[in-house]
Amino acid sequence: MPLSLEEVQRIAELARIGISDAEARSVQVQLNDIFELIEAMQKVNTDGIEPMAHGQDLELRLREDKVTDEDRREQFQSVAPQVEGGLYLVPRVIE
């Protein structure tokens, strides 16, 4: 469904874009080319084709999900002004 020049101008008006007649004709051609491409793509039979998560068929290398850092909470909390039950105590900000 190609756009008419009036439709392009109306869209520009709704978008609050000021364009001249020459610019509107140029945009009309570009938009109609895009719509033709979309029509051609919609005609392609995609039955039985699994959707892809990415345009390129890439696989991520995964590592084993395990903890690699040691627990240093006691060391970090040893320099804190106030700690209780493994939590940092801070002054009340909101009353």
PDB file of N, CA and C in Angstrom:
ATOM      1  N   MET A   1       0.842  -1.164   0.000  1.00  0.00           N
ATOM      2  CA  MET A   1       0.000   0.000   0.000  1.00  0.00           C
ATOM      3  C   MET A   1       0.899   1.243   0.000  1.00  0.00           C
ATOM      4  N   PRO A   2       1.135   1.823  -1.134  1.00  0.00           N
ATOM      5  CA  PRO A   2       2.008   3.001  -1.203  1.00  0.00           C
ATOM      6  C   PRO A   2       1.350   4.235  -0.572  1.00  0.00           C
ATOM      7  N   LEU A   3       2.195   5.067   0.017  1.00  0.00           N
ATOM      8  CA  LEU A   3       1.713   6.314   0.617  1.00  0.00           C
ATOM      9  C   LEU A   3       1.607   7.389  -0.453  1.00  0.00           C
ATOM     10  N   SER A   4       0.584   8.207  -0.324  1.00  0.00           N
ATOM     11  CA  SER A   4       0.448   9.345  -1.231  1.00  0.00           C
ATOM     12  C   SER A   4       1.243  10.516  -0.662  1.00  0.00           C
ATOM     13  N   LEU A   5       1.481  11.512  -1.487  1.00  0.00           N
ATOM     14  CA  LEU A   5       2.206  12.700  -1.053  1.00  0.00           C
ATOM     15  C   LEU A   5       1.452  13.413   0.070  1.00  0.00           C
ATOM     16  N   GLU A   6       0.134  13.435  -0.029  1.00  0.00           N
ATOM     17  CA  GLU A   6      -0.681  14.072   1.007  1.00  0.00           C
ATOM     18  C   GLU A   6      -0.534  13.346   2.343  1.00  0.00           C
ATOM     19  N   GLU A   7      -0.462  12.007   2.304  1.00  0.00           N
ATOM     20  CA  GLU A   7      -0.303  11.241   3.541  1.00  0.00           C
ATOM     21  C   GLU A   7       1.063  11.525   4.181  1.00  0.00           C
ATOM     22  N   VAL A   8       2.095  11.615   3.378  1.00  0.00           N
ATOM     23  CA  VAL A   8       3.426  11.925   3.905  1.00  0.00           C
ATOM     24  C   VAL A   8       3.418  13.305   4.550  1.00  0.00           C
ATOM     25  N   GLN A   9       2.797  14.266   3.887  1.00  0.00           N
ATOM     26  CA  GLN A   9       2.725  15.618   4.450  1.00  0.00           C
ATOM     27  C   GLN A   9       1.909  15.636   5.736  1.00  0.00           C
ATOM     28  N   ARG A  10       0.844  14.852   5.790  1.00  0.00           N
ATOM     29  CA  ARG A  10       0.012  14.773   6.996  1.00  0.00           C
ATOM     30  C   ARG A  10       0.801  14.139   8.148  1.00  0.00           C
ATOM     31  N   ILE A  11       1.570  13.100   7.855  1.00  0.00           N
ATOM     32  CA  ILE A  11       2.399  12.463   8.884  1.00  0.00           C
ATOM     33  C   ILE A  11       3.428  13.457   9.410  1.00  0.00           C
ATOM     34  N   ALA A  12       4.050  14.221   8.499  1.00  0.00           N
ATOM     35  CA  ALA A  12       5.026  15.227   8.909  1.00  0.00           C
ATOM     36  C   ALA A  12       4.361  16.285   9.779  1.00  0.00           C
ATOM     37  N   GLU A  13       3.157  16.665   9.430  1.00  0.00           N
ATOM     38  CA  GLU A  13       2.429  17.655  10.220  1.00  0.00           C
ATOM     39  C   GLU A  13       2.124  17.124  11.611  1.00  0.00           C
ATOM     40  N   LEU A  14       1.680  15.860  11.702  1.00  0.00           N
ATOM     41  CA  LEU A  14       1.382  15.264  13.001  1.00  0.00           C
ATOM     42  C   LEU A  14       2.633  15.141  13.865  1.00  0.00           C
ATOM     43  N   ALA A  15       3.776  14.907  13.212  1.00  0.00           N
ATOM     44  CA  ALA A  15       5.036  14.792  13.935  1.00  0.00           C
ATOM     45  C   ALA A  15       5.675  16.151  14.195  1.00  0.00           C
ATOM     46  N   ARG A  16       5.001  17.206  13.763  1.00  0.00           N
ATOM     47  CA  ARG A  16       5.496  18.573  13.920  1.00  0.00           C
ATOM     48  C   ARG A  16       6.846  18.749  13.236  1.00  0.00           C
ATOM     49  N   ILE A  17       6.965  18.160  12.030  1.00  0.00           N
ATOM     50  CA  ILE A  17       8.178  18.282  11.228  1.00  0.00           C
ATOM     51  C   ILE A  17       7.845  19.133  10.016  1.00  0.00           C
ATOM     52  N   GLY A  18       8.581  20.217   9.850  1.00  0.00           N
ATOM     53  CA  GLY A  18       8.368  21.065   8.690  1.00  0.00           C
ATOM     54  C   GLY A  18       9.207  20.584   7.513  1.00  0.00           C
ATOM     55  N   ILE A  19       8.547  20.142   6.439  1.00  0.00           N
ATOM     56  CA  ILE A  19       9.286  19.688   5.259  1.00  0.00           C
ATOM     57  C   ILE A  19       8.717  20.371   4.018  1.00  0.00           C
ATOM     58  N   SER A  20       9.593  20.567   3.058  1.00  0.00           N
ATOM     59  CA  SER A  20       9.156  21.168   1.800  1.00  0.00           C
ATOM     60  C   SER A  20       8.524  20.087   0.921  1.00  0.00           C
ATOM     61  N   ASP A  21       7.933  20.495  -0.199  1.00  0.00           N
ATOM     62  CA  ASP A  21       7.331  19.525  -1.124  1.00  0.00           C
ATOM     63  C   ASP A  21       8.389  18.586  -1.694  1.00  0.00           C
ATOM     64  N   ALA A  22       9.574  19.110  -1.986  1.00  0.00           N
ATOM     65  CA  ALA A  22      10.654  18.270  -2.528  1.00  0.00           C
ATOM     66  C   ALA A  22      11.091  17.229  -1.503  1.00  0.00           C
ATOM     67  N   GLU A  23      11.203  17.650  -0.240  1.00  0.00           N
ATOM     68  CA  GLU A  23      11.574  16.701   0.819  1.00  0.00           C
ATOM     69  C   GLU A  23      10.478  15.666   1.014  1.00  0.00           C
ATOM     70  N   ALA A  24       9.224  16.087   0.930  1.00  0.00           N
ATOM     71  CA  ALA A  24       8.106  15.159   1.090  1.00  0.00           C
ATOM     72  C   ALA A  24       8.122  14.118  -0.021  1.00  0.00           C
ATOM     73  N   ARG A  25       8.416  14.524  -1.242  1.00  0.00           N
ATOM     74  CA  ARG A  25       8.485  13.563  -2.353  1.00  0.00           C
ATOM     75  C   ARG A  25       9.631  12.571  -2.133  1.00  0.00           C
ATOM     76  N   SER A  26      10.770  13.062  -1.656  1.00  0.00           N
ATOM     77  CA  SER A  26      11.911  12.190  -1.380  1.00  0.00           C
ATOM     78  C   SER A  26      11.578  11.183  -0.281  1.00  0.00           C
ATOM     79  N   VAL A  27      10.949  11.658   0.789  1.00  0.00           N
ATOM     80  CA  VAL A  27      10.551  10.784   1.898  1.00  0.00           C
ATOM     81  C   VAL A  27       9.497   9.789   1.432  1.00  0.00           C
ATOM     82  N   GLN A  28       8.587  10.228   0.565  1.00  0.00           N
ATOM     83  CA  GLN A  28       7.548   9.344   0.039  1.00  0.00           C
ATOM     84  C   GLN A  28       8.180   8.167  -0.693  1.00  0.00           C
ATOM     85  N   VAL A  29       9.165   8.445  -1.537  1.00  0.00           N
ATOM     86  CA  VAL A  29       9.841   7.374  -2.279  1.00  0.00           C
ATOM     87  C   VAL A  29      10.532   6.415  -1.311  1.00  0.00           C
ATOM     88  N   GLN A  30      11.226   6.959  -0.318  1.00  0.00           N
ATOM     89  CA  GLN A  30      11.937   6.117   0.643  1.00  0.00           C
ATOM     90  C   GLN A  30      10.975   5.252   1.459  1.00  0.00           C
ATOM     91  N   LEU A  31       9.900   5.855   1.930  1.00  0.00           N
ATOM     92  CA  LEU A  31       8.926   5.088   2.715  1.00  0.00           C
ATOM     93  C   LEU A  31       8.262   4.001   1.875  1.00  0.00           C
ATOM     94  N   ASN A  32       7.918   4.324   0.628  1.00  0.00           N
ATOM     95  CA  ASN A  32       7.296   3.318  -0.233  1.00  0.00           C
ATOM     96  C   ASN A  32       8.266   2.175  -0.533  1.00  0.00           C
ATOM     97  N   ASP A  33       9.559   2.471  -0.658  1.00  0.00           N
ATOM     98  CA  ASP A  33      10.550   1.403  -0.833  1.00  0.00           C
ATOM     99  C   ASP A  33      10.597   0.497   0.390  1.00  0.00           C
ATOM    100  N   ILE A  34      10.530   1.105   1.574  1.00  0.00           N
ATOM    101  CA  ILE A  34      10.531   0.318   2.815  1.00  0.00           C
ATOM    102  C   ILE A  34       9.290  -0.565   2.880  1.00  0.00           C
ATOM    103  N   PHE A  35       8.131   0.007   2.530  1.00  0.00           N
ATOM    104  CA  PHE A  35       6.892  -0.784   2.554  1.00  0.00           C
ATOM    105  C   PHE A  35       6.932  -1.929   1.550  1.00  0.00           C
ATOM    106  N   GLU A  36       7.535  -1.720   0.399  1.00  0.00           N
ATOM    107  CA  GLU A  36       7.677  -2.799  -0.594  1.00  0.00           C
ATOM    108  C   GLU A  36       8.551  -3.916  -0.038  1.00  0.00           C
ATOM    109  N   LEU A  37       9.626  -3.554   0.636  1.00  0.00           N
ATOM    110  CA  LEU A  37      10.500  -4.560   1.237  1.00  0.00           C
ATOM    111  C   LEU A  37       9.756  -5.351   2.306  1.00  0.00           C
ATOM    112  N   ILE A  38       8.973  -4.665   3.116  1.00  0.00           N
ATOM    113  CA  ILE A  38       8.194  -5.344   4.155  1.00  0.00           C
ATOM    114  C   ILE A  38       7.184  -6.298   3.525  1.00  0.00           C
ATOM    115  N   GLU A  39       6.519  -5.870   2.471  1.00  0.00           N
ATOM    116  CA  GLU A  39       5.568  -6.753   1.774  1.00  0.00           C
ATOM    117  C   GLU A  39       6.265  -7.998   1.249  1.00  0.00           C
ATOM    118  N   ALA A  40       7.434  -7.820   0.641  1.00  0.00           N
ATOM    119  CA  ALA A  40       8.181  -8.959   0.105  1.00  0.00           C
ATOM    120  C   ALA A  40       8.586  -9.912   1.227  1.00  0.00           C
ATOM    121  N   MET A  41       8.991  -9.356   2.357  1.00  0.00           N
ATOM    122  CA  MET A  41       9.395 -10.200   3.484  1.00  0.00           C
ATOM    123  C   MET A  41       8.207 -10.948   4.079  1.00  0.00           C
ATOM    124  N   GLN A  42       7.020 -10.334   4.071  1.00  0.00           N
ATOM    125  CA  GLN A  42       5.839 -10.992   4.619  1.00  0.00           C
ATOM    126  C   GLN A  42       5.376 -12.146   3.741  1.00  0.00           C
ATOM    127  N   LYS A  43       5.743 -12.143   2.464  1.00  0.00           N
ATOM    128  CA  LYS A  43       5.339 -13.215   1.560  1.00  0.00           C
ATOM    129  C   LYS A  43       6.200 -14.463   1.706  1.00  0.00           C
ATOM    130  N   VAL A  44       7.333 -14.352   2.396  1.00  0.00           N
ATOM    131  CA  VAL A  44       8.233 -15.490   2.566  1.00  0.00           C
ATOM    132  C   VAL A  44       7.580 -16.507   3.496  1.00  0.00           C
ATOM    133  N   ASN A  45       7.600 -17.774   3.090  1.00  0.00           N
ATOM    134  CA  ASN A  45       7.033 -18.853   3.891  1.00  0.00           C
ATOM    135  C   ASN A  45       7.999 -19.193   5.020  1.00  0.00           C
ATOM    136  N   THR A  46       7.571 -18.988   6.251  1.00  0.00           N
ATOM    137  CA  THR A  46       8.416 -19.270   7.409  1.00  0.00           C
ATOM    138  C   THR A  46       7.876 -20.420   8.252  1.00  0.00           C
ATOM    139  N   ASP A  47       6.969 -21.204   7.698  1.00  0.00           N
ATOM    140  CA  ASP A  47       6.422 -22.341   8.439  1.00  0.00           C
ATOM    141  C   ASP A  47       7.542 -23.318   8.761  1.00  0.00           C
ATOM    142  N   GLY A  48       7.589 -23.758  10.001  1.00  0.00           N
ATOM    143  CA  GLY A  48       8.572 -24.743  10.420  1.00  0.00           C
ATOM    144  C   GLY A  48       9.948 -24.173  10.700  1.00  0.00           C
ATOM    145  N   ILE A  49      10.111 -22.872  10.629  1.00  0.00           N
ATOM    146  CA  ILE A  49      11.409 -22.262  10.909  1.00  0.00           C
ATOM    147  C   ILE A  49      11.377 -21.712  12.328  1.00  0.00           C
ATOM    148  N   GLU A  50      12.341 -22.146  13.119  1.00  0.00           N
ATOM    149  CA  GLU A  50      12.402 -21.734  14.519  1.00  0.00           C
ATOM    150  C   GLU A  50      12.959 -20.317  14.616  1.00  0.00           C
ATOM    151  N   PRO A  51      12.334 -19.452  15.408  1.00  0.00           N
ATOM    152  CA  PRO A  51      12.841 -18.088  15.562  1.00  0.00           C
ATOM    153  C   PRO A  51      14.236 -18.090  16.182  1.00  0.00           C
ATOM    154  N   MET A  52      15.023 -17.081  15.805  1.00  0.00           N
ATOM    155  CA  MET A  52      16.375 -16.957  16.337  1.00  0.00           C
ATOM    156  C   MET A  52      16.417 -15.829  17.359  1.00  0.00           C
ATOM    157  N   ALA A  53      17.299 -15.957  18.327  1.00  0.00           N
ATOM    158  CA  ALA A  53      17.467 -14.917  19.327  1.00  0.00           C
ATOM    159  C   ALA A  53      18.374 -13.808  18.822  1.00  0.00           C
ATOM    160  N   HIS A  54      19.120 -14.096  17.760  1.00  0.00           N
ATOM    161  CA  HIS A  54      20.077 -13.127  17.229  1.00  0.00           C
ATOM    162  C   HIS A  54      20.168 -13.316  15.723  1.00  0.00           C
ATOM    163  N   GLY A  55      20.493 -12.253  15.016  1.00  0.00           N
ATOM    164  CA  GLY A  55      20.588 -12.317  13.561  1.00  0.00           C
ATOM    165  C   GLY A  55      21.699 -13.221  13.063  1.00  0.00           C
ATOM    166  N   GLN A  56      22.716 -13.410  13.872  1.00  0.00           N
ATOM    167  CA  GLN A  56      23.796 -14.333  13.526  1.00  0.00           C
ATOM    168  C   GLN A  56      23.659 -15.556  14.405  1.00  0.00           C
ATOM    169  N   ASP A  57      23.994 -16.698  13.872  1.00  0.00           N
ATOM    170  CA  ASP A  57      23.858 -17.942  14.625  1.00  0.00           C
ATOM    171  C   ASP A  57      25.069 -18.100  15.551  1.00  0.00           C
ATOM    172  N   LEU A  58      25.009 -17.427  16.699  1.00  0.00           N
ATOM    173  CA  LEU A  58      26.109 -17.446  17.649  1.00  0.00           C
ATOM    174  C   LEU A  58      25.732 -18.247  18.884  1.00  0.00           C
ATOM    175  N   GLU A  59      26.731 -18.866  19.487  1.00  0.00           N
ATOM    176  CA  GLU A  59      26.522 -19.541  20.754  1.00  0.00           C
ATOM    177  C   GLU A  59      27.489 -18.948  21.761  1.00  0.00           C
ATOM    178  N   LEU A  60      26.998 -18.676  22.954  1.00  0.00           N
ATOM    179  CA  LEU A  60      27.843 -18.136  23.997  1.00  0.00           C
ATOM    180  C   LEU A  60      28.580 -19.263  24.707  1.00  0.00           C
ATOM    181  N   ARG A  61      29.835 -19.005  24.989  1.00  0.00           N
ATOM    182  CA  ARG A  61      30.578 -19.975  25.781  1.00  0.00           C
ATOM    183  C   ARG A  61      30.177 -19.789  27.226  1.00  0.00           C
ATOM    184  N   LEU A  62      29.731 -20.845  27.864  1.00  0.00           N
ATOM    185  CA  LEU A  62      29.256 -20.759  29.234  1.00  0.00           C
ATOM    186  C   LEU A  62      30.269 -21.401  30.166  1.00  0.00           C
ATOM    187  N   ARG A  63      30.362 -20.858  31.359  1.00  0.00           N
ATOM    188  CA  ARG A  63      31.225 -21.450  32.368  1.00  0.00           C
ATOM    189  C   ARG A  63      30.339 -22.044  33.463  1.00  0.00           C
ATOM    190  N   GLU A  64      30.930 -22.911  34.232  1.00  0.00           N
ATOM    191  CA  GLU A  64      30.199 -23.529  35.327  1.00  0.00           C
ATOM    192  C   GLU A  64      29.804 -22.462  36.343  1.00  0.00           C
ATOM    193  N   ASP A  65      28.581 -22.521  36.829  1.00  0.00           N
ATOM    194  CA  ASP A  65      28.082 -21.540  37.778  1.00  0.00           C
ATOM    195  C   ASP A  65      28.501 -21.946  39.182  1.00  0.00           C
ATOM    196  N   LYS A  66      29.680 -21.468  39.609  1.00  0.00           N
ATOM    197  CA  LYS A  66      30.159 -21.780  40.951  1.00  0.00           C
ATOM    198  C   LYS A  66      30.839 -20.556  41.539  1.00  0.00           C
ATOM    199  N   VAL A  67      30.873 -20.495  42.849  1.00  0.00           N
ATOM    200  CA  VAL A  67      31.494 -19.379  43.560  1.00  0.00           C
ATOM    201  C   VAL A  67      32.999 -19.511  43.430  1.00  0.00           C
ATOM    202  N   THR A  68      33.642 -18.425  43.023  1.00  0.00           N
ATOM    203  CA  THR A  68      35.102 -18.447  42.886  1.00  0.00           C
ATOM    204  C   THR A  68      35.777 -17.513  43.880  1.00  0.00           C
ATOM    205  N   ASP A  69      35.038 -16.559  44.464  1.00  0.00           N
ATOM    206  CA  ASP A  69      35.607 -15.645  45.447  1.00  0.00           C
ATOM    207  C   ASP A  69      35.379 -16.198  46.844  1.00  0.00           C
ATOM    208  N   GLU A  70      36.351 -15.944  47.715  1.00  0.00           N
ATOM    209  CA  GLU A  70      36.208 -16.406  49.097  1.00  0.00           C
ATOM    210  C   GLU A  70      35.342 -15.423  49.879  1.00  0.00           C
ATOM    211  N   ASP A  71      34.757 -15.905  50.967  1.00  0.00           N
ATOM    212  CA  ASP A  71      33.906 -15.079  51.815  1.00  0.00           C
ATOM    213  C   ASP A  71      34.812 -14.216  52.701  1.00  0.00           C
ATOM    214  N   ARG A  72      34.776 -12.899  52.478  1.00  0.00           N
ATOM    215  CA  ARG A  72      35.617 -11.982  53.247  1.00  0.00           C
ATOM    216  C   ARG A  72      34.768 -10.980  54.034  1.00  0.00           C
ATOM    217  N   ARG A  73      33.548 -11.393  54.376  1.00  0.00           N
ATOM    218  CA  ARG A  73      32.650 -10.490  55.087  1.00  0.00           C
ATOM    219  C   ARG A  73      33.230 -10.067  56.434  1.00  0.00           C
ATOM    220  N   GLU A  74      33.795 -10.998  57.189  1.00  0.00           N
ATOM    221  CA  GLU A  74      34.361 -10.668  58.496  1.00  0.00           C
ATOM    222  C   GLU A  74      35.477  -9.638  58.356  1.00  0.00           C
ATOM    223  N   GLN A  75      36.311  -9.797  57.343  1.00  0.00           N
ATOM    224  CA  GLN A  75      37.409  -8.864  57.114  1.00  0.00           C
ATOM    225  C   GLN A  75      36.872  -7.472  56.779  1.00  0.00           C
ATOM    226  N   PHE A  76      35.858  -7.393  55.923  1.00  0.00           N
ATOM    227  CA  PHE A  76      35.290  -6.100  55.532  1.00  0.00           C
ATOM    228  C   PHE A  76      34.577  -5.436  56.719  1.00  0.00           C
ATOM    229  N   GLN A  77      33.870  -6.226  57.515  1.00  0.00           N
ATOM    230  CA  GLN A  77      33.110  -5.651  58.622  1.00  0.00           C
ATOM    231  C   GLN A  77      33.984  -5.313  59.820  1.00  0.00           C
ATOM    232  N   SER A  78      35.203  -5.796  59.835  1.00  0.00           N
ATOM    233  CA  SER A  78      36.088  -5.509  60.965  1.00  0.00           C
ATOM    234  C   SER A  78      36.441  -4.023  61.040  1.00  0.00           C
ATOM    235  N   VAL A  79      36.374  -3.312  59.921  1.00  0.00           N
ATOM    236  CA  VAL A  79      36.708  -1.883  59.915  1.00  0.00           C
ATOM    237  C   VAL A  79      35.461  -0.992  59.945  1.00  0.00           C
ATOM    238  N   ALA A  80      34.278  -1.592  59.973  1.00  0.00           N
ATOM    239  CA  ALA A  80      33.036  -0.811  59.992  1.00  0.00           C
ATOM    240  C   ALA A  80      32.788  -0.259  61.390  1.00  0.00           C
ATOM    241  N   PRO A  81      32.228   0.954  61.502  1.00  0.00           N
ATOM    242  CA  PRO A  81      31.964   1.537  62.832  1.00  0.00           C
ATOM    243  C   PRO A  81      30.989   0.708  63.662  1.00  0.00           C
ATOM    244  N   GLN A  82      29.905   0.218  63.029  1.00  0.00           N
ATOM    245  CA  GLN A  82      28.923  -0.573  63.779  1.00  0.00           C
ATOM    246  C   GLN A  82      28.419  -1.725  62.904  1.00  0.00           C
ATOM    247  N   VAL A  83      28.427  -2.919  63.495  1.00  0.00           N
ATOM    248  CA  VAL A  83      27.951  -4.115  62.813  1.00  0.00           C
ATOM    249  C   VAL A  83      27.128  -4.915  63.812  1.00  0.00           C
ATOM    250  N   GLU A  84      26.037  -5.494  63.322  1.00  0.00           N
ATOM    251  CA  GLU A  84      25.230  -6.348  64.189  1.00  0.00           C
ATOM    252  C   GLU A  84      24.636  -7.474  63.366  1.00  0.00           C
ATOM    253  N   GLY A  85      24.877  -8.689  63.751  1.00  0.00           N
ATOM    254  CA  GLY A  85      24.315  -9.852  63.067  1.00  0.00           C
ATOM    255  C   GLY A  85      24.741  -9.952  61.607  1.00  0.00           C
ATOM    256  N   GLY A  86      25.964  -9.525  61.303  1.00  0.00           N
ATOM    257  CA  GLY A  86      26.457  -9.588  59.929  1.00  0.00           C
ATOM    258  C   GLY A  86      25.984  -8.455  59.052  1.00  0.00           C
ATOM    259  N   LEU A  87      25.299  -7.450  59.638  1.00  0.00           N
ATOM    260  CA  LEU A  87      24.788  -6.314  58.873  1.00  0.00           C
ATOM    261  C   LEU A  87      25.478  -5.036  59.320  1.00  0.00           C
ATOM    262  N   TYR A  88      25.663  -4.130  58.382  1.00  0.00           N
ATOM    263  CA  TYR A  88      26.210  -2.810  58.695  1.00  0.00           C
ATOM    264  C   TYR A  88      25.101  -1.956  59.292  1.00  0.00           C
ATOM    265  N   LEU A  89      25.403  -1.280  60.401  1.00  0.00           N
ATOM    266  CA  LEU A  89      24.446  -0.378  61.015  1.00  0.00           C
ATOM    267  C   LEU A  89      24.807   1.041  60.601  1.00  0.00           C
ATOM    268  N   VAL A  90      23.814   1.788  60.164  1.00  0.00           N
ATOM    269  CA  VAL A  90      24.018   3.162  59.687  1.00  0.00           C
ATOM    270  C   VAL A  90      23.049   4.075  60.428  1.00  0.00           C
ATOM    271  N   PRO A  91      23.378   5.363  60.515  1.00  0.00           N
ATOM    272  CA  PRO A  91      22.461   6.291  61.183  1.00  0.00           C
ATOM    273  C   PRO A  91      21.127   6.372  60.465  1.00  0.00           C
ATOM    274  N   ARG A  92      20.064   6.557  61.235  1.00  0.00           N
ATOM    275  CA  ARG A  92      18.725   6.695  60.668  1.00  0.00           C
ATOM    276  C   ARG A  92      18.661   8.014  59.903  1.00  0.00           C
ATOM    277  N   VAL A  93      18.155   7.969  58.662  1.00  0.00           N
ATOM    278  CA  VAL A  93      18.056   9.153  57.822  1.00  0.00           C
ATOM    279  C   VAL A  93      16.639   9.687  57.804  1.00  0.00           C
ATOM    280  N   ILE A  94      15.673   8.805  57.774  1.00  0.00           N
ATOM    281  CA  ILE A  94      14.264   9.199  57.697  1.00  0.00           C
ATOM    282  C   ILE A  94      13.604   8.840  59.027  1.00  0.00           C
ATOM    283  N   GLU A  95      12.929   9.786  59.618  1.00  0.00           N
ATOM    284  CA  GLU A  95      12.265   9.548  60.901  1.00  0.00           C
ATOM    285  C   GLU A  95      10.814   9.194  60.668  1.00  0.00           C
TER     286      GLU A  95
END
